[in-house]
Amino acid sequence: MSSPRRAQERGLLARGIEAKEVSPRLGLDATIEALVGPIVYCVLTGSSIPRDLLDTLFDDLLGPRSD
């Protein structure tokens, strides 16, 4: 069963796909988890979130496919 928060996240990502603003390489849930997981880990461990980590996550997970 999906939480209301997860439903919102899925909806946001689905709208981005429909608008051709993003082209995720994974399914909706896997994309959300791959994006959020490293960020949550940094927060939980008190680490700063490196800008290049964010850039890489978004470019690799949401950018246009080159295949």
PDB file of N, CA and C in Angstrom:
ATOM      1  N   MET A   1       0.840  -1.179   0.000  1.00  0.00           N
ATOM      2  CA  MET A   1       0.000   0.000   0.000  1.00  0.00           C
ATOM      3  C   MET A   1       0.886   1.243   0.000  1.00  0.00           C
ATOM      4  N   SER A   2       0.549   2.190  -0.811  1.00  0.00           N
ATOM      5  CA  SER A   2       1.345   3.394  -0.982  1.00  0.00           C
ATOM      6  C   SER A   2       0.873   4.496  -0.031  1.00  0.00           C
ATOM      7  N   SER A   3       1.822   5.194   0.540  1.00  0.00           N
ATOM      8  CA  SER A   3       1.482   6.302   1.431  1.00  0.00           C
ATOM      9  C   SER A   3       1.068   7.516   0.603  1.00  0.00           C
ATOM     10  N   PRO A   4       0.360   8.463   1.219  1.00  0.00           N
ATOM     11  CA  PRO A   4      -0.003   9.684   0.494  1.00  0.00           C
ATOM     12  C   PRO A   4       1.232  10.435  -0.009  1.00  0.00           C
ATOM     13  N   ARG A   5       2.298  10.426   0.777  1.00  0.00           N
ATOM     14  CA  ARG A   5       3.541  11.095   0.372  1.00  0.00           C
ATOM     15  C   ARG A   5       4.122  10.434  -0.875  1.00  0.00           C
ATOM     16  N   ARG A   6       4.160   9.111  -0.878  1.00  0.00           N
ATOM     17  CA  ARG A   6       4.700   8.385  -2.027  1.00  0.00           C
ATOM     18  C   ARG A   6       3.839   8.640  -3.257  1.00  0.00           C
ATOM     19  N   ALA A   7       2.530   8.704  -3.080  1.00  0.00           N
ATOM     20  CA  ALA A   7       1.630   8.990  -4.199  1.00  0.00           C
ATOM     21  C   ALA A   7       1.928  10.368  -4.790  1.00  0.00           C
ATOM     22  N   GLN A   8       2.208  11.335  -3.935  1.00  0.00           N
ATOM     23  CA  GLN A   8       2.567  12.682  -4.416  1.00  0.00           C
ATOM     24  C   GLN A   8       3.880  12.645  -5.187  1.00  0.00           C
ATOM     25  N   GLU A   9       4.862  11.935  -4.650  1.00  0.00           N
ATOM     26  CA  GLU A   9       6.161  11.831  -5.316  1.00  0.00           C
ATOM     27  C   GLU A   9       6.024  11.154  -6.678  1.00  0.00           C
ATOM     28  N   ARG A  10       5.237  10.078  -6.719  1.00  0.00           N
ATOM     29  CA  ARG A  10       5.016   9.376  -7.987  1.00  0.00           C
ATOM     30  C   ARG A  10       4.316  10.284  -8.996  1.00  0.00           C
ATOM     31  N   GLY A  11       3.335  11.039  -8.514  1.00  0.00           N
ATOM     32  CA  GLY A  11       2.610  11.961  -9.393  1.00  0.00           C
ATOM     33  C   GLY A  11       3.518  13.038  -9.967  1.00  0.00           C
ATOM     34  N   LEU A  12       4.377  13.576  -9.135  1.00  0.00           N
ATOM     35  CA  LEU A  12       5.316  14.602  -9.582  1.00  0.00           C
ATOM     36  C   LEU A  12       6.241  14.061 -10.668  1.00  0.00           C
ATOM     37  N   LEU A  13       6.788  12.887 -10.414  1.00  0.00           N
ATOM     38  CA  LEU A  13       7.687  12.280 -11.386  1.00  0.00           C
ATOM     39  C   LEU A  13       6.947  11.911 -12.667  1.00  0.00           C
ATOM     40  N   ALA A  14       5.745  11.395 -12.538  1.00  0.00           N
ATOM     41  CA  ALA A  14       4.947  11.028 -13.721  1.00  0.00           C
ATOM     42  C   ALA A  14       4.641  12.260 -14.574  1.00  0.00           C
ATOM     43  N   ARG A  15       4.327  13.370 -13.933  1.00  0.00           N
ATOM     44  CA  ARG A  15       4.071  14.612 -14.689  1.00  0.00           C
ATOM     45  C   ARG A  15       5.325  15.083 -15.413  1.00  0.00           C
ATOM     46  N   GLY A  16       6.481  14.943 -14.774  1.00  0.00           N
ATOM     47  CA  GLY A  16       7.735  15.305 -15.427  1.00  0.00           C
ATOM     48  C   GLY A  16       8.013  14.443 -16.642  1.00  0.00           C
ATOM     49  N   ILE A  17       7.676  13.170 -16.541  1.00  0.00           N
ATOM     50  CA  ILE A  17       7.849  12.257 -17.675  1.00  0.00           C
ATOM     51  C   ILE A  17       6.894  12.629 -18.800  1.00  0.00           C
ATOM     52  N   GLU A  18       5.622  12.854 -18.465  1.00  0.00           N
ATOM     53  CA  GLU A  18       4.621  13.220 -19.476  1.00  0.00           C
ATOM     54  C   GLU A  18       4.992  14.509 -20.194  1.00  0.00           C
ATOM     55  N   ALA A  19       5.577  15.453 -19.456  1.00  0.00           N
ATOM     56  CA  ALA A  19       5.975  16.737 -20.045  1.00  0.00           C
ATOM     57  C   ALA A  19       7.316  16.625 -20.777  1.00  0.00           C
ATOM     58  N   LYS A  20       7.898  15.425 -20.755  1.00  0.00           N
ATOM     59  CA  LYS A  20       9.196  15.162 -21.382  1.00  0.00           C
ATOM     60  C   LYS A  20      10.306  16.024 -20.783  1.00  0.00           C
ATOM     61  N   GLU A  21      10.136  16.375 -19.505  1.00  0.00           N
ATOM     62  CA  GLU A  21      11.163  17.131 -18.795  1.00  0.00           C
ATOM     63  C   GLU A  21      12.213  16.201 -18.212  1.00  0.00           C
ATOM     64  N   VAL A  22      11.822  14.982 -17.914  1.00  0.00           N
ATOM     65  CA  VAL A  22      12.752  13.987 -17.399  1.00  0.00           C
ATOM     66  C   VAL A  22      12.509  12.665 -18.100  1.00  0.00           C
ATOM     67  N   SER A  23      13.543  11.858 -18.138  1.00  0.00           N
ATOM     68  CA  SER A  23      13.454  10.546 -18.767  1.00  0.00           C
ATOM     69  C   SER A  23      14.130   9.539 -17.849  1.00  0.00           C
ATOM     70  N   PRO A  24      13.429   9.104 -16.811  1.00  0.00           N
ATOM     71  CA  PRO A  24      14.072   8.208 -15.850  1.00  0.00           C
ATOM     72  C   PRO A  24      14.449   6.862 -16.465  1.00  0.00           C
ATOM     73  N   ARG A  25      15.536   6.327 -15.983  1.00  0.00           N
ATOM     74  CA  ARG A  25      16.029   5.037 -16.461  1.00  0.00           C
ATOM     75  C   ARG A  25      15.408   3.884 -15.690  1.00  0.00           C
ATOM     76  N   LEU A  26      14.791   4.193 -14.556  1.00  0.00           N
ATOM     77  CA  LEU A  26      14.182   3.183 -13.691  1.00  0.00           C
ATOM     78  C   LEU A  26      12.689   3.442 -13.592  1.00  0.00           C
ATOM     79  N   GLY A  27      11.970   2.551 -12.966  1.00  0.00           N
ATOM     80  CA  GLY A  27      10.554   2.772 -12.699  1.00  0.00           C
ATOM     81  C   GLY A  27      10.371   3.911 -11.700  1.00  0.00           C
ATOM     82  N   LEU A  28       9.131   4.334 -11.519  1.00  0.00           N
ATOM     83  CA  LEU A  28       8.857   5.473 -10.639  1.00  0.00           C
ATOM     84  C   LEU A  28       9.386   5.265  -9.223  1.00  0.00           C
ATOM     85  N   ASP A  29       9.024   4.160  -8.603  1.00  0.00           N
ATOM     86  CA  ASP A  29       9.440   3.936  -7.219  1.00  0.00           C
ATOM     87  C   ASP A  29      10.950   3.795  -7.090  1.00  0.00           C
ATOM     88  N   ALA A  30      11.572   3.063  -7.981  1.00  0.00           N
ATOM     89  CA  ALA A  30      13.025   2.881  -7.922  1.00  0.00           C
ATOM     90  C   ALA A  30      13.750   4.208  -8.135  1.00  0.00           C
ATOM     91  N   THR A  31      13.225   5.055  -9.012  1.00  0.00           N
ATOM     92  CA  THR A  31      13.834   6.363  -9.240  1.00  0.00           C
ATOM     93  C   THR A  31      13.753   7.222  -7.985  1.00  0.00           C
ATOM     94  N   ILE A  32      12.599   7.247  -7.359  1.00  0.00           N
ATOM     95  CA  ILE A  32      12.420   8.025  -6.133  1.00  0.00           C
ATOM     96  C   ILE A  32      13.389   7.529  -5.062  1.00  0.00           C
ATOM     97  N   GLU A  33      13.476   6.228  -4.885  1.00  0.00           N
ATOM     98  CA  GLU A  33      14.352   5.664  -3.862  1.00  0.00           C
ATOM     99  C   GLU A  33      15.818   5.934  -4.166  1.00  0.00           C
ATOM    100  N   ALA A  34      16.203   5.851  -5.440  1.00  0.00           N
ATOM    101  CA  ALA A  34      17.593   6.103  -5.817  1.00  0.00           C
ATOM    102  C   ALA A  34      17.973   7.567  -5.629  1.00  0.00           C
ATOM    103  N   LEU A  35      17.024   8.466  -5.822  1.00  0.00           N
ATOM    104  CA  LEU A  35      17.292   9.892  -5.624  1.00  0.00           C
ATOM    105  C   LEU A  35      17.339  10.261  -4.147  1.00  0.00           C
ATOM    106  N   VAL A  36      16.385   9.785  -3.401  1.00  0.00           N
ATOM    107  CA  VAL A  36      16.225  10.201  -2.006  1.00  0.00           C
ATOM    108  C   VAL A  36      17.177   9.464  -1.061  1.00  0.00           C
ATOM    109  N   GLY A  37      17.461   8.190  -1.345  1.00  0.00           N
ATOM    110  CA  GLY A  37      18.277   7.383  -0.449  1.00  0.00           C
ATOM    111  C   GLY A  37      19.616   8.007  -0.067  1.00  0.00           C
ATOM    112  N   PRO A  38      20.443   8.391  -1.034  1.00  0.00           N
ATOM    113  CA  PRO A  38      21.739   8.980  -0.687  1.00  0.00           C
ATOM    114  C   PRO A  38      21.613  10.302   0.082  1.00  0.00           C
ATOM    115  N   ILE A  39      20.594  11.063  -0.223  1.00  0.00           N
ATOM    116  CA  ILE A  39      20.386  12.338   0.471  1.00  0.00           C
ATOM    117  C   ILE A  39      19.997  12.089   1.922  1.00  0.00           C
ATOM    118  N   VAL A  40      19.086  11.163   2.139  1.00  0.00           N
ATOM    119  CA  VAL A  40      18.667  10.818   3.504  1.00  0.00           C
ATOM    120  C   VAL A  40      19.858  10.273   4.284  1.00  0.00           C
ATOM    121  N   TYR A  41      20.669   9.450   3.647  1.00  0.00           N
ATOM    122  CA  TYR A  41      21.845   8.898   4.316  1.00  0.00           C
ATOM    123  C   TYR A  41      22.773  10.020   4.791  1.00  0.00           C
ATOM    124  N   CYS A  42      23.023  10.992   3.931  1.00  0.00           N
ATOM    125  CA  CYS A  42      23.885  12.120   4.315  1.00  0.00           C
ATOM    126  C   CYS A  42      23.294  12.874   5.497  1.00  0.00           C
ATOM    127  N   VAL A  43      22.004  13.096   5.472  1.00  0.00           N
ATOM    128  CA  VAL A  43      21.343  13.806   6.567  1.00  0.00           C
ATOM    129  C   VAL A  43      21.448  13.004   7.863  1.00  0.00           C
ATOM    130  N   LEU A  44      21.196  11.702   7.796  1.00  0.00           N
ATOM    131  CA  LEU A  44      21.235  10.864   8.992  1.00  0.00           C
ATOM    132  C   LEU A  44      22.638  10.750   9.592  1.00  0.00           C
ATOM    133  N   THR A  45      23.648  10.808   8.748  1.00  0.00           N
ATOM    134  CA  THR A  45      25.019  10.694   9.242  1.00  0.00           C
ATOM    135  C   THR A  45      25.649  12.051   9.541  1.00  0.00           C
ATOM    136  N   GLY A  46      24.914  13.120   9.298  1.00  0.00           N
ATOM    137  CA  GLY A  46      25.435  14.461   9.571  1.00  0.00           C
ATOM    138  C   GLY A  46      26.416  14.954   8.528  1.00  0.00           C
ATOM    139  N   SER A  47      26.472  14.284   7.404  1.00  0.00           N
ATOM    140  CA  SER A  47      27.373  14.689   6.325  1.00  0.00           C
ATOM    141  C   SER A  47      26.741  15.807   5.510  1.00  0.00           C
ATOM    142  N   SER A  48      27.588  16.604   4.920  1.00  0.00           N
ATOM    143  CA  SER A  48      27.048  17.575   3.971  1.00  0.00           C
ATOM    144  C   SER A  48      26.698  16.823   2.691  1.00  0.00           C
ATOM    145  N   ILE A  49      25.813  17.387   1.930  1.00  0.00           N
ATOM    146  CA  ILE A  49      25.397  16.759   0.675  1.00  0.00           C
ATOM    147  C   ILE A  49      26.182  17.438  -0.443  1.00  0.00           C
ATOM    148  N   PRO A  50      27.166  16.737  -1.000  1.00  0.00           N
ATOM    149  CA  PRO A  50      27.988  17.355  -2.043  1.00  0.00           C
ATOM    150  C   PRO A  50      27.164  17.705  -3.282  1.00  0.00           C
ATOM    151  N   ARG A  51      27.413  18.864  -3.817  1.00  0.00           N
ATOM    152  CA  ARG A  51      26.692  19.316  -5.011  1.00  0.00           C
ATOM    153  C   ARG A  51      26.886  18.343  -6.176  1.00  0.00           C
ATOM    154  N   ASP A  52      28.106  17.804  -6.303  1.00  0.00           N
ATOM    155  CA  ASP A  52      28.339  16.878  -7.411  1.00  0.00           C
ATOM    156  C   ASP A  52      27.554  15.586  -7.238  1.00  0.00           C
ATOM    157  N   LEU A  53      27.245  15.202  -5.998  1.00  0.00           N
ATOM    158  CA  LEU A  53      26.380  14.038  -5.776  1.00  0.00           C
ATOM    159  C   LEU A  53      24.986  14.320  -6.330  1.00  0.00           C
ATOM    160  N   LEU A  54      24.450  15.480  -6.007  1.00  0.00           N
ATOM    161  CA  LEU A  54      23.117  15.841  -6.510  1.00  0.00           C
ATOM    162  C   LEU A  54      23.101  15.916  -8.027  1.00  0.00           C
ATOM    163  N   ASP A  55      24.117  16.557  -8.597  1.00  0.00           N
ATOM    164  CA  ASP A  55      24.186  16.671 -10.057  1.00  0.00           C
ATOM    165  C   ASP A  55      24.237  15.291 -10.714  1.00  0.00           C
ATOM    166  N   THR A  56      25.060  14.412 -10.162  1.00  0.00           N
ATOM    167  CA  THR A  56      25.206  13.073 -10.729  1.00  0.00           C
ATOM    168  C   THR A  56      23.911  12.279 -10.604  1.00  0.00           C
ATOM    169  N   LEU A  57      23.276  12.336  -9.427  1.00  0.00           N
ATOM    170  CA  LEU A  57      22.014  11.619  -9.246  1.00  0.00           C
ATOM    171  C   LEU A  57      20.979  12.062 -10.267  1.00  0.00           C
ATOM    172  N   PHE A  58      20.804  13.372 -10.386  1.00  0.00           N
ATOM    173  CA  PHE A  58      19.778  13.874 -11.294  1.00  0.00           C
ATOM    174  C   PHE A  58      20.136  13.615 -12.748  1.00  0.00           C
ATOM    175  N   ASP A  59      21.395  13.838 -13.118  1.00  0.00           N
ATOM    176  CA  ASP A  59      21.794  13.602 -14.506  1.00  0.00           C
ATOM    177  C   ASP A  59      21.674  12.133 -14.885  1.00  0.00           C
ATOM    178  N   ASP A  60      22.163  11.258 -14.011  1.00  0.00           N
ATOM    179  CA  ASP A  60      22.173   9.824 -14.335  1.00  0.00           C
ATOM    180  C   ASP A  60      20.801   9.178 -14.226  1.00  0.00           C
ATOM    181  N   LEU A  61      19.988   9.617 -13.280  1.00  0.00           N
ATOM    182  CA  LEU A  61      18.698   8.971 -13.070  1.00  0.00           C
ATOM    183  C   LEU A  61      17.554   9.596 -13.866  1.00  0.00           C
ATOM    184  N   LEU A  62      17.668  10.874 -14.163  1.00  0.00           N
ATOM    185  CA  LEU A  62      16.537  11.552 -14.806  1.00  0.00           C
ATOM    186  C   LEU A  62      16.845  12.090 -16.196  1.00  0.00           C
ATOM    187  N   GLY A  63      18.115  12.107 -16.565  1.00  0.00           N
ATOM    188  CA  GLY A  63      18.495  12.691 -17.853  1.00  0.00           C
ATOM    189  C   GLY A  63      18.079  11.838 -19.030  1.00  0.00           C
ATOM    190  N   PRO A  64      18.141  12.412 -20.211  1.00  0.00           N
ATOM    191  CA  PRO A  64      17.771  11.668 -21.424  1.00  0.00           C
ATOM    192  C   PRO A  64      18.657  10.440 -21.587  1.00  0.00           C
ATOM    193  N   ARG A  65      18.071   9.408 -22.111  1.00  0.00           N
ATOM    194  CA  ARG A  65      18.814   8.175 -22.360  1.00  0.00           C
ATOM    195  C   ARG A  65      19.659   8.335 -23.616  1.00  0.00           C
ATOM    196  N   SER A  66      20.826   7.753 -23.576  1.00  0.00           N
ATOM    197  CA  SER A  66      21.709   7.855 -24.738  1.00  0.00           C
ATOM    198  C   SER A  66      21.715   6.578 -25.568  1.00  0.00           C
ATOM    199  N   ASP A  67      20.798   5.653 -25.279  1.00  0.00           N
ATOM    200  CA  ASP A  67      20.777   4.379 -26.006  1.00  0.00           C
ATOM    201  C   ASP A  67      19.955   4.436 -27.248  1.00  0.00           C
TER     202      ASP A  67
END
